[in-house]
Amino acid sequence: MANRRLRQAAPTITITLALGVALIAVWQAWSIIAHLREKERETSRIYGAVIGALNDTLPDGQTEILTQLVFNVRASGLPVIVTDREGRVSACANLPLDPDPCDRLRLDDPRILDLVQEMDRINLPILAPTGGYIHHGSTAMARRLTLLTVLQLAVLAVAVAAGVWAFRTAASLHRDRLWVAMARESAHQLGTPLMSAAAWIERLRDDNADTALVSRHLRADLDRLERVAQRFERIGRPARTEKVGVGSLTARVVNYFRPRLPKHANRIVLSIHAPSAGPMVSGDPVLLEWAVEALVRNSIDALSGRGGHINVSVTRRADAVEIRVQDDGPGVGIEVRDHLFEPGITTKSGGWGIGLALAHRIVEEVHGGQLRYEPVDGGALFVASLPAAA
């Protein structure tokens, strides 16, 4: 149960992480902008101080201004070490040492030379005007931005991983739902002949004189059970190709459903207009019968609890054979018409939306035809168009 809840929450987790990455990016950008503005002000102050020192004619003016510049460098927090030609430390500031030897003027502290090597690995030293070198590290802001970048990359990596996980989870949930729908579809298909066979058996127990009729219907139910088993054996296998008489195939489907429809309360009348055998198409008869049954059963379900009429017709139009199934039920809502043939889309309570999806795949993907829904006044019309056999 916990794993299922976690899989269901996968999209929410992914969106949350993506928002986290976006917030960190905004925070980082804002910090960089603020830091750059402060650096601009600091550079302007240093530039003004240098110009002032050059223009100052007082004996101690330049010294005072240069001393002020040293204080400005200290205030910036930039770790700086100045060494002479012989490599001895002549000045330093803002070193990350505790206690800071620069504050106590302990320039012979061996830790300073260790820090020089560490600084040079990060930033190349700058040649000083006196011939020595200026070694510098990173400010607190630079370290903070580095940390933010690492944090952002880490969150982004987690978000990508969560996205991949969410995608696989969604695909797994879709497969699970499809298998459940297939199981429900098989149970739905098996339920009709089983209930029908039970009713015929009850009539035989009542010593009904019309045993021949009952025997014929029982034979039809057993044949249907065998065809249902054949259909599910075809899943995942190449479709057969043979000449199929669409008229006789459709009539067989209608003649099976007709005696099993309600005759009194909420009566459903099922009629057919089709040639005795043709027209002919090239395809798999088992799968084509499955598609026609799905269309007829969809109309029967639409009339369940209210009754009505279903008209099935087969016609030849140019190079195509059309199977038209029309009912006078409630029709299909506009909100689902664009997704009507997708698995899981249904307008019936308790439905799994697999019948029309199967019919669509059989007609279009397997047989190269077209299955479409056409809105009509007071009902629904489904048209399956198949390429006619040469």
Protein backbone atom coordinates (compact mmCIF):
# COMPACT_ATOMS: atom_id res chain seq x y z
CA MET A 1 0.00 0.00 0.00
CA ALA A 2 2.82 2.38 0.88
CA ASN A 3 4.59 1.64 -2.41
CA ARG A 4 1.38 2.28 -4.33
CA ARG A 5 0.87 5.62 -2.58
CA LEU A 6 4.46 6.55 -3.34
CA ARG A 7 3.96 5.72 -7.03
CA GLN A 8 0.78 7.78 -7.12
CA ALA A 9 2.65 10.71 -5.53
CA ALA A 10 5.51 10.51 -8.06
CA PRO A 11 4.23 13.39 -10.27
CA THR A 12 3.75 15.62 -7.21
CA ILE A 13 7.27 14.86 -5.98
CA THR A 14 8.73 15.65 -9.39
CA ILE A 15 6.89 18.97 -9.64
CA THR A 16 7.97 19.91 -6.11
CA LEU A 17 11.62 19.21 -6.91
CA ALA A 18 11.37 21.19 -10.15
CA LEU A 19 9.95 24.14 -8.20
CA GLY A 20 12.81 23.74 -5.72
CA VAL A 21 15.36 23.98 -8.53
CA ALA A 22 13.61 27.07 -9.87
CA LEU A 23 13.55 28.77 -6.45
CA ILE A 24 17.24 28.00 -5.85
CA ALA A 25 18.07 29.42 -9.29
CA VAL A 26 16.15 32.62 -8.54
CA TRP A 27 17.79 32.93 -5.12
CA GLN A 28 21.22 32.35 -6.66
CA ALA A 29 20.63 34.88 -9.42
CA TRP A 30 19.44 37.47 -6.90
CA SER A 31 22.53 36.88 -4.74
CA ILE A 32 24.83 37.26 -7.74
CA ILE A 33 23.13 40.49 -8.79
CA ALA A 34 23.38 41.95 -5.28
CA HIS A 35 27.04 40.89 -5.02
CA LEU A 36 27.92 42.43 -8.39
CA ARG A 37 26.23 45.69 -7.43
CA GLU A 38 28.24 45.84 -4.22
CA LYS A 39 31.44 45.09 -6.13
CA GLU A 40 30.63 47.89 -8.56
CA ARG A 41 30.27 50.33 -5.68
CA GLU A 42 33.48 49.08 -4.06
CA THR A 43 35.44 49.35 -7.33
CA SER A 44 34.12 52.86 -7.81
CA ARG A 45 35.25 53.85 -4.32
CA ILE A 46 38.73 52.37 -4.91
CA TYR A 47 38.99 54.11 -8.27
CA GLY A 48 38.02 57.41 -6.69
CA ALA A 49 40.55 56.91 -3.89
CA VAL A 50 43.36 56.16 -6.34
CA ILE A 51 42.56 59.25 -8.43
CA GLY A 52 42.42 61.29 -5.26
CA ALA A 53 45.84 59.99 -4.15
CA LEU A 54 47.38 60.86 -7.49
CA ASN A 55 46.00 64.38 -7.36
CA ASP A 56 46.79 64.99 -3.68
CA THR A 57 49.76 67.38 -3.25
CA LEU A 58 49.94 67.09 0.53
CA PRO A 59 52.96 65.11 1.86
CA ASP A 60 50.93 62.66 3.91
CA GLY A 61 47.83 62.65 1.69
CA GLN A 62 48.82 59.76 -0.50
CA THR A 63 49.89 57.64 2.47
CA GLU A 64 46.57 58.25 4.19
CA ILE A 65 44.59 57.31 1.11
CA LEU A 66 46.64 54.17 0.51
CA THR A 67 46.12 53.19 4.13
CA GLN A 68 42.40 53.62 3.58
CA LEU A 69 42.60 51.34 0.54
CA VAL A 70 44.21 48.67 2.71
CA PHE A 71 41.28 48.94 5.11
CA ASN A 72 38.89 48.62 2.17
CA VAL A 73 40.59 45.39 1.09
CA ARG A 74 40.31 44.05 4.63
CA ALA A 75 36.64 45.00 4.74
CA SER A 76 35.96 43.14 1.47
CA GLY A 77 36.80 39.81 3.15
CA LEU A 78 39.12 38.74 0.31
CA PRO A 79 41.95 36.50 1.63
CA VAL A 80 45.22 38.05 0.39
CA ILE A 81 48.89 37.16 0.99
CA VAL A 82 51.76 39.23 -0.45
CA THR A 83 55.20 37.65 -0.76
CA ASP A 84 58.52 39.28 -1.76
CA ARG A 85 61.07 38.11 -4.33
CA GLU A 86 62.47 35.54 -1.88
CA GLY A 87 59.02 34.13 -1.09
CA ARG A 88 58.78 35.64 2.39
CA VAL A 89 55.40 36.93 3.55
CA SER A 90 55.36 40.73 3.64
CA ALA A 91 51.63 41.32 4.16
CA CYS A 92 48.35 39.44 4.54
CA ALA A 93 44.69 39.98 5.31
CA ASN A 94 41.46 38.05 5.94
CA LEU A 95 43.07 34.63 6.27
CA PRO A 96 40.77 31.76 7.30
CA LEU A 97 42.96 30.91 10.30
CA ASP A 98 42.12 31.01 13.97
CA PRO A 99 43.62 33.11 15.37
CA ASP A 100 44.40 35.18 12.28
CA PRO A 101 48.18 35.79 12.28
CA CYS A 102 47.67 38.92 10.16
CA ASP A 103 45.92 40.64 13.04
CA ARG A 104 48.88 39.95 15.31
CA LEU A 105 51.46 40.64 12.59
CA ARG A 106 52.81 37.09 12.94
CA LEU A 107 53.94 36.91 9.32
CA ASP A 108 56.37 34.06 10.07
CA ASP A 109 53.52 31.70 10.96
CA PRO A 110 54.13 28.47 8.89
CA ARG A 111 50.41 28.12 8.31
CA ILE A 112 50.53 31.15 6.02
CA LEU A 113 52.91 29.44 3.58
CA ASP A 114 50.66 26.36 3.56
CA LEU A 115 47.77 28.64 2.74
CA VAL A 116 49.79 30.22 -0.12
CA GLN A 117 50.08 26.81 -1.81
CA GLU A 118 46.38 26.16 -1.35
CA MET A 119 45.48 29.56 -2.81
CA ASP A 120 47.77 29.03 -5.81
CA ARG A 121 45.97 25.76 -6.59
CA ILE A 122 42.69 27.65 -6.85
CA ASN A 123 43.85 30.99 -8.33
CA LEU A 124 47.07 31.82 -10.15
CA PRO A 125 49.20 34.37 -8.23
CA ILE A 126 49.49 37.92 -9.53
CA LEU A 127 52.90 39.53 -10.12
CA ALA A 128 53.29 42.52 -7.80
CA PRO A 129 54.90 45.83 -8.93
CA THR A 130 57.71 45.23 -6.43
CA GLY A 131 58.63 41.91 -8.00
CA GLY A 132 56.87 39.68 -5.48
CA TYR A 133 53.52 37.93 -5.83
CA ILE A 134 50.00 38.53 -4.64
CA HIS A 135 48.19 35.33 -3.64
CA HIS A 136 44.44 35.49 -3.18
CA GLY A 137 41.64 33.11 -2.26
CA SER A 138 37.87 33.35 -2.54
CA THR A 139 35.50 35.63 -0.68
CA ALA A 140 32.63 34.35 1.40
CA MET A 141 30.24 35.29 -1.41
CA ALA A 142 32.23 33.24 -3.95
CA ARG A 143 32.18 30.24 -1.61
CA ARG A 144 28.48 30.74 -1.07
CA LEU A 145 27.81 30.86 -4.82
CA THR A 146 29.88 27.70 -5.29
CA LEU A 147 27.84 25.99 -2.60
CA LEU A 148 24.62 27.18 -4.20
CA THR A 149 25.72 25.85 -7.58
CA VAL A 150 26.54 22.45 -6.10
CA LEU A 151 23.20 22.45 -4.27
CA GLN A 152 21.35 23.39 -7.42
CA LEU A 153 23.06 20.64 -9.42
CA ALA A 154 22.26 18.13 -6.68
CA VAL A 155 18.59 19.10 -6.59
CA LEU A 156 18.48 19.07 -10.39
CA ALA A 157 19.98 15.57 -10.45
CA VAL A 158 17.41 14.42 -7.91
CA ALA A 159 14.64 16.06 -9.96
CA VAL A 160 15.81 14.32 -13.14
CA ALA A 161 16.00 11.00 -11.31
CA ALA A 162 12.55 11.60 -9.86
CA GLY A 163 11.26 12.52 -13.31
CA VAL A 164 12.59 9.28 -14.81
CA TRP A 165 11.14 7.38 -11.87
CA ALA A 166 7.79 9.14 -12.27
CA PHE A 167 7.76 8.36 -16.00
CA ARG A 168 8.48 4.69 -15.39
CA THR A 169 5.93 4.64 -12.59
CA ALA A 170 3.30 6.19 -14.84
CA ALA A 171 4.12 3.66 -17.56
CA SER A 172 3.89 0.87 -15.00
CA LEU A 173 0.56 2.16 -13.73
CA HIS A 174 -0.68 2.41 -17.31
CA ARG A 175 0.36 -1.18 -17.98
CA ASP A 176 -1.25 -2.33 -14.74
CA ARG A 177 -4.45 -0.53 -15.64
CA LEU A 178 -4.38 -2.04 -19.13
CA TRP A 179 -3.93 -5.55 -17.78
CA VAL A 180 -6.73 -5.01 -15.28
CA ALA A 181 -8.91 -3.69 -18.08
CA MET A 182 -8.07 -6.71 -20.21
CA ALA A 183 -9.01 -9.00 -17.34
CA ARG A 184 -12.29 -7.12 -16.91
CA GLU A 185 -12.89 -7.30 -20.66
CA SER A 186 -12.36 -11.05 -20.70
CA ALA A 187 -14.66 -11.47 -17.70
CA HIS A 188 -17.21 -9.26 -19.43
CA GLN A 189 -17.06 -11.32 -22.60
CA LEU A 190 -17.24 -14.62 -20.77
CA GLY A 191 -20.08 -13.43 -18.56
CA THR A 192 -22.66 -13.17 -21.37
CA PRO A 193 -22.45 -16.76 -22.64
CA LEU A 194 -22.10 -18.16 -19.12
CA MET A 195 -25.26 -16.43 -17.87
CA SER A 196 -27.04 -17.37 -21.06
CA ALA A 197 -25.99 -21.01 -20.75
CA ALA A 198 -27.22 -21.09 -17.15
CA ALA A 199 -30.64 -19.79 -18.27
CA TRP A 200 -30.89 -22.44 -20.99
CA ILE A 201 -29.96 -25.14 -18.51
CA GLU A 202 -32.77 -23.97 -16.20
CA ARG A 203 -35.21 -24.31 -19.08
CA LEU A 204 -34.02 -27.86 -19.67
CA ARG A 205 -34.60 -28.62 -16.00
CA ASP A 206 -38.19 -27.43 -16.39
CA ASP A 207 -38.73 -30.15 -19.02
CA ASN A 208 -39.43 -27.54 -21.63
CA ALA A 209 -40.66 -29.13 -24.84
CA ASP A 210 -38.62 -26.77 -27.01
CA THR A 211 -35.35 -28.55 -26.24
CA ALA A 212 -34.05 -28.15 -29.78
CA LEU A 213 -34.11 -24.36 -29.48
CA VAL A 214 -32.41 -24.50 -26.10
CA SER A 215 -29.78 -26.86 -27.45
CA ARG A 216 -29.08 -24.52 -30.36
CA HIS A 217 -28.58 -21.52 -28.05
CA LEU A 218 -26.35 -23.57 -25.76
CA ARG A 219 -24.27 -24.54 -28.78
CA ALA A 220 -23.99 -20.86 -29.72
CA ASP A 221 -22.80 -19.98 -26.21
CA LEU A 222 -20.19 -22.71 -26.27
CA ASP A 223 -19.01 -21.54 -29.70
CA ARG A 224 -18.72 -18.01 -28.35
CA LEU A 225 -16.67 -19.18 -25.37
CA GLU A 226 -14.35 -20.94 -27.78
CA ARG A 227 -14.00 -17.80 -29.92
CA VAL A 228 -13.31 -15.69 -26.83
CA ALA A 229 -10.50 -18.06 -25.90
CA GLN A 230 -9.13 -17.82 -29.45
CA ARG A 231 -9.15 -14.01 -29.26
CA PHE A 232 -6.95 -13.86 -26.20
CA GLU A 233 -4.61 -16.41 -27.73
CA ARG A 234 -4.12 -13.98 -30.64
CA ILE A 235 -2.80 -11.17 -28.40
CA GLY A 236 0.86 -10.60 -29.22
CA ARG A 237 0.78 -12.77 -32.34
CA PRO A 238 0.69 -11.71 -36.02
CA ALA A 239 -2.83 -11.33 -37.39
CA ARG A 240 -4.06 -13.82 -39.97
CA THR A 241 -4.96 -12.73 -43.47
CA GLU A 242 -7.81 -14.43 -45.31
CA LYS A 243 -10.95 -13.52 -47.22
CA VAL A 244 -13.74 -12.60 -44.78
CA GLY A 245 -17.39 -12.04 -45.63
CA VAL A 246 -18.26 -9.00 -43.55
CA GLY A 247 -22.01 -9.50 -44.04
CA SER A 248 -22.07 -13.02 -42.61
CA LEU A 249 -19.62 -12.10 -39.85
CA THR A 250 -21.74 -9.15 -38.71
CA ALA A 251 -24.94 -11.21 -38.95
CA ARG A 252 -23.38 -13.87 -36.72
CA VAL A 253 -22.62 -11.26 -34.07
CA VAL A 254 -26.13 -9.76 -34.24
CA ASN A 255 -27.83 -13.16 -34.19
CA TYR A 256 -25.88 -14.08 -31.08
CA PHE A 257 -26.83 -10.95 -29.13
CA ARG A 258 -30.44 -10.67 -30.32
CA PRO A 259 -32.06 -13.53 -28.25
CA ARG A 260 -30.10 -12.44 -25.17
CA LEU A 261 -31.40 -8.88 -25.05
CA PRO A 262 -34.21 -7.81 -22.69
CA LYS A 263 -37.61 -8.37 -24.28
CA HIS A 264 -39.93 -6.75 -21.75
CA ALA A 265 -38.68 -4.05 -19.34
CA ASN A 266 -36.22 -1.67 -21.06
CA ARG A 267 -36.53 -3.62 -24.30
CA ILE A 268 -33.65 -3.38 -26.77
CA VAL A 269 -34.35 -4.06 -30.45
CA LEU A 270 -31.33 -5.08 -32.53
CA SER A 271 -31.69 -5.07 -36.34
CA ILE A 272 -29.26 -5.69 -39.19
CA HIS A 273 -29.10 -4.73 -42.86
CA ALA A 274 -26.32 -6.64 -44.59
CA PRO A 275 -25.73 -8.89 -47.59
CA SER A 276 -25.90 -12.59 -46.88
CA ALA A 277 -22.13 -13.11 -47.12
CA GLY A 278 -20.23 -10.22 -48.67
CA PRO A 279 -18.81 -7.75 -49.22
CA MET A 280 -15.38 -9.26 -48.71
CA VAL A 281 -12.33 -7.93 -46.93
CA SER A 282 -8.89 -9.39 -46.34
CA GLY A 283 -8.18 -9.83 -42.65
CA ASP A 284 -8.36 -11.89 -39.49
CA PRO A 285 -11.94 -13.14 -38.95
CA VAL A 286 -11.50 -13.70 -35.21
CA LEU A 287 -10.21 -10.18 -34.59
CA LEU A 288 -12.77 -8.56 -36.91
CA GLU A 289 -15.59 -10.34 -35.10
CA TRP A 290 -14.11 -9.08 -31.83
CA ALA A 291 -14.19 -5.50 -33.12
CA VAL A 292 -17.81 -5.77 -34.34
CA GLU A 293 -18.89 -7.30 -31.01
CA ALA A 294 -17.21 -4.44 -29.16
CA LEU A 295 -19.19 -1.87 -31.19
CA VAL A 296 -22.51 -3.70 -30.74
CA ARG A 297 -21.90 -4.28 -27.04
CA ASN A 298 -21.00 -0.61 -26.61
CA SER A 299 -24.44 0.33 -27.97
CA ILE A 300 -26.13 -2.28 -25.78
CA ASP A 301 -24.38 -0.84 -22.71
CA ALA A 302 -25.48 2.66 -23.75
CA LEU A 303 -29.14 1.48 -23.79
CA SER A 304 -28.87 -0.51 -20.56
CA GLY A 305 -31.59 0.52 -18.12
CA ARG A 306 -33.49 2.58 -20.68
CA GLY A 307 -34.08 0.42 -23.78
CA GLY A 308 -34.01 1.51 -27.40
CA HIS A 309 -33.03 0.49 -30.91
CA ILE A 310 -29.71 -0.55 -32.44
CA ASN A 311 -29.27 -0.64 -36.21
CA VAL A 312 -26.31 -2.45 -37.74
CA SER A 313 -25.62 -2.20 -41.48
CA VAL A 314 -22.91 -3.35 -43.87
CA THR A 315 -22.39 -1.56 -47.20
CA ARG A 316 -19.80 -1.42 -49.94
CA ARG A 317 -18.56 2.09 -50.80
CA ALA A 318 -16.01 2.36 -53.62
CA ASP A 319 -12.90 0.52 -52.35
CA ALA A 320 -14.08 0.24 -48.76
CA VAL A 321 -16.54 -1.81 -46.72
CA GLU A 322 -18.40 0.08 -43.98
CA ILE A 323 -19.88 -1.38 -40.84
CA ARG A 324 -22.26 1.12 -39.23
CA VAL A 325 -23.56 0.65 -35.68
CA GLN A 326 -26.12 3.25 -34.60
CA ASP A 327 -28.21 3.48 -31.44
CA ASP A 328 -30.70 5.98 -30.06
CA GLY A 329 -29.07 6.17 -26.63
CA PRO A 330 -27.66 9.22 -24.80
CA GLY A 331 -24.76 9.65 -27.24
CA VAL A 332 -21.20 10.63 -26.35
CA GLY A 333 -20.33 13.82 -24.49
CA ILE A 334 -18.22 16.44 -26.24
CA GLU A 335 -15.62 16.33 -23.46
CA VAL A 336 -14.55 12.74 -24.28
CA ARG A 337 -14.95 12.60 -28.06
CA ASP A 338 -11.34 13.49 -28.81
CA HIS A 339 -10.12 10.66 -26.53
CA LEU A 340 -12.91 8.16 -27.16
CA PHE A 341 -10.66 5.40 -28.51
CA GLU A 342 -7.96 5.66 -25.86
CA PRO A 343 -7.72 2.88 -23.24
CA GLY A 344 -9.42 3.81 -19.99
CA ILE A 345 -11.80 6.40 -21.51
CA THR A 346 -15.41 5.56 -20.75
CA THR A 347 -18.70 7.32 -20.03
CA LYS A 348 -20.24 4.35 -18.21
CA SER A 349 -20.06 3.95 -14.44
CA GLY A 350 -17.93 0.93 -13.64
CA GLY A 351 -16.59 0.75 -17.21
CA TRP A 352 -12.91 0.35 -18.05
CA GLY A 353 -12.94 1.87 -21.54
CA ILE A 354 -11.22 -1.05 -23.27
CA GLY A 355 -13.83 -2.20 -25.82
CA LEU A 356 -13.66 0.77 -28.19
CA ALA A 357 -9.87 0.94 -27.78
CA LEU A 358 -9.59 -2.71 -28.86
CA ALA A 359 -11.95 -2.17 -31.79
CA HIS A 360 -9.95 0.90 -32.85
CA ARG A 361 -6.67 -1.01 -32.77
CA ILE A 362 -8.10 -3.99 -34.67
CA VAL A 363 -9.67 -1.83 -37.38
CA GLU A 364 -6.92 0.76 -37.85
CA GLU A 365 -3.61 -0.76 -36.74
CA VAL A 366 -4.20 -4.38 -37.74
CA HIS A 367 -6.38 -3.99 -40.84
CA GLY A 368 -5.42 -0.52 -42.09
CA GLY A 369 -8.98 0.81 -41.86
CA GLN A 370 -10.64 3.66 -40.02
CA LEU A 371 -12.96 3.71 -37.01
CA ARG A 372 -14.73 6.96 -36.30
CA TYR A 373 -17.56 8.34 -34.22
CA GLU A 374 -20.21 10.43 -35.92
CA PRO A 375 -22.62 12.43 -33.74
CA VAL A 376 -26.27 12.05 -34.68
CA ASP A 377 -29.48 13.47 -33.25
CA GLY A 378 -30.60 11.33 -30.32
CA GLY A 379 -27.88 8.71 -30.22
CA ALA A 380 -24.45 7.65 -31.43
CA LEU A 381 -23.08 6.26 -34.69
CA PHE A 382 -19.81 4.35 -35.05
CA VAL A 383 -18.48 3.64 -38.53
CA ALA A 384 -15.76 1.05 -39.19
CA SER A 385 -14.33 1.40 -42.70
CA LEU A 386 -12.19 -1.51 -43.97
CA PRO A 387 -10.31 -1.83 -47.28
CA ALA A 388 -12.30 -4.07 -49.60
CA ALA A 389 -10.65 -7.24 -50.87
CA ALA A 390 -9.42 -7.19 -54.46
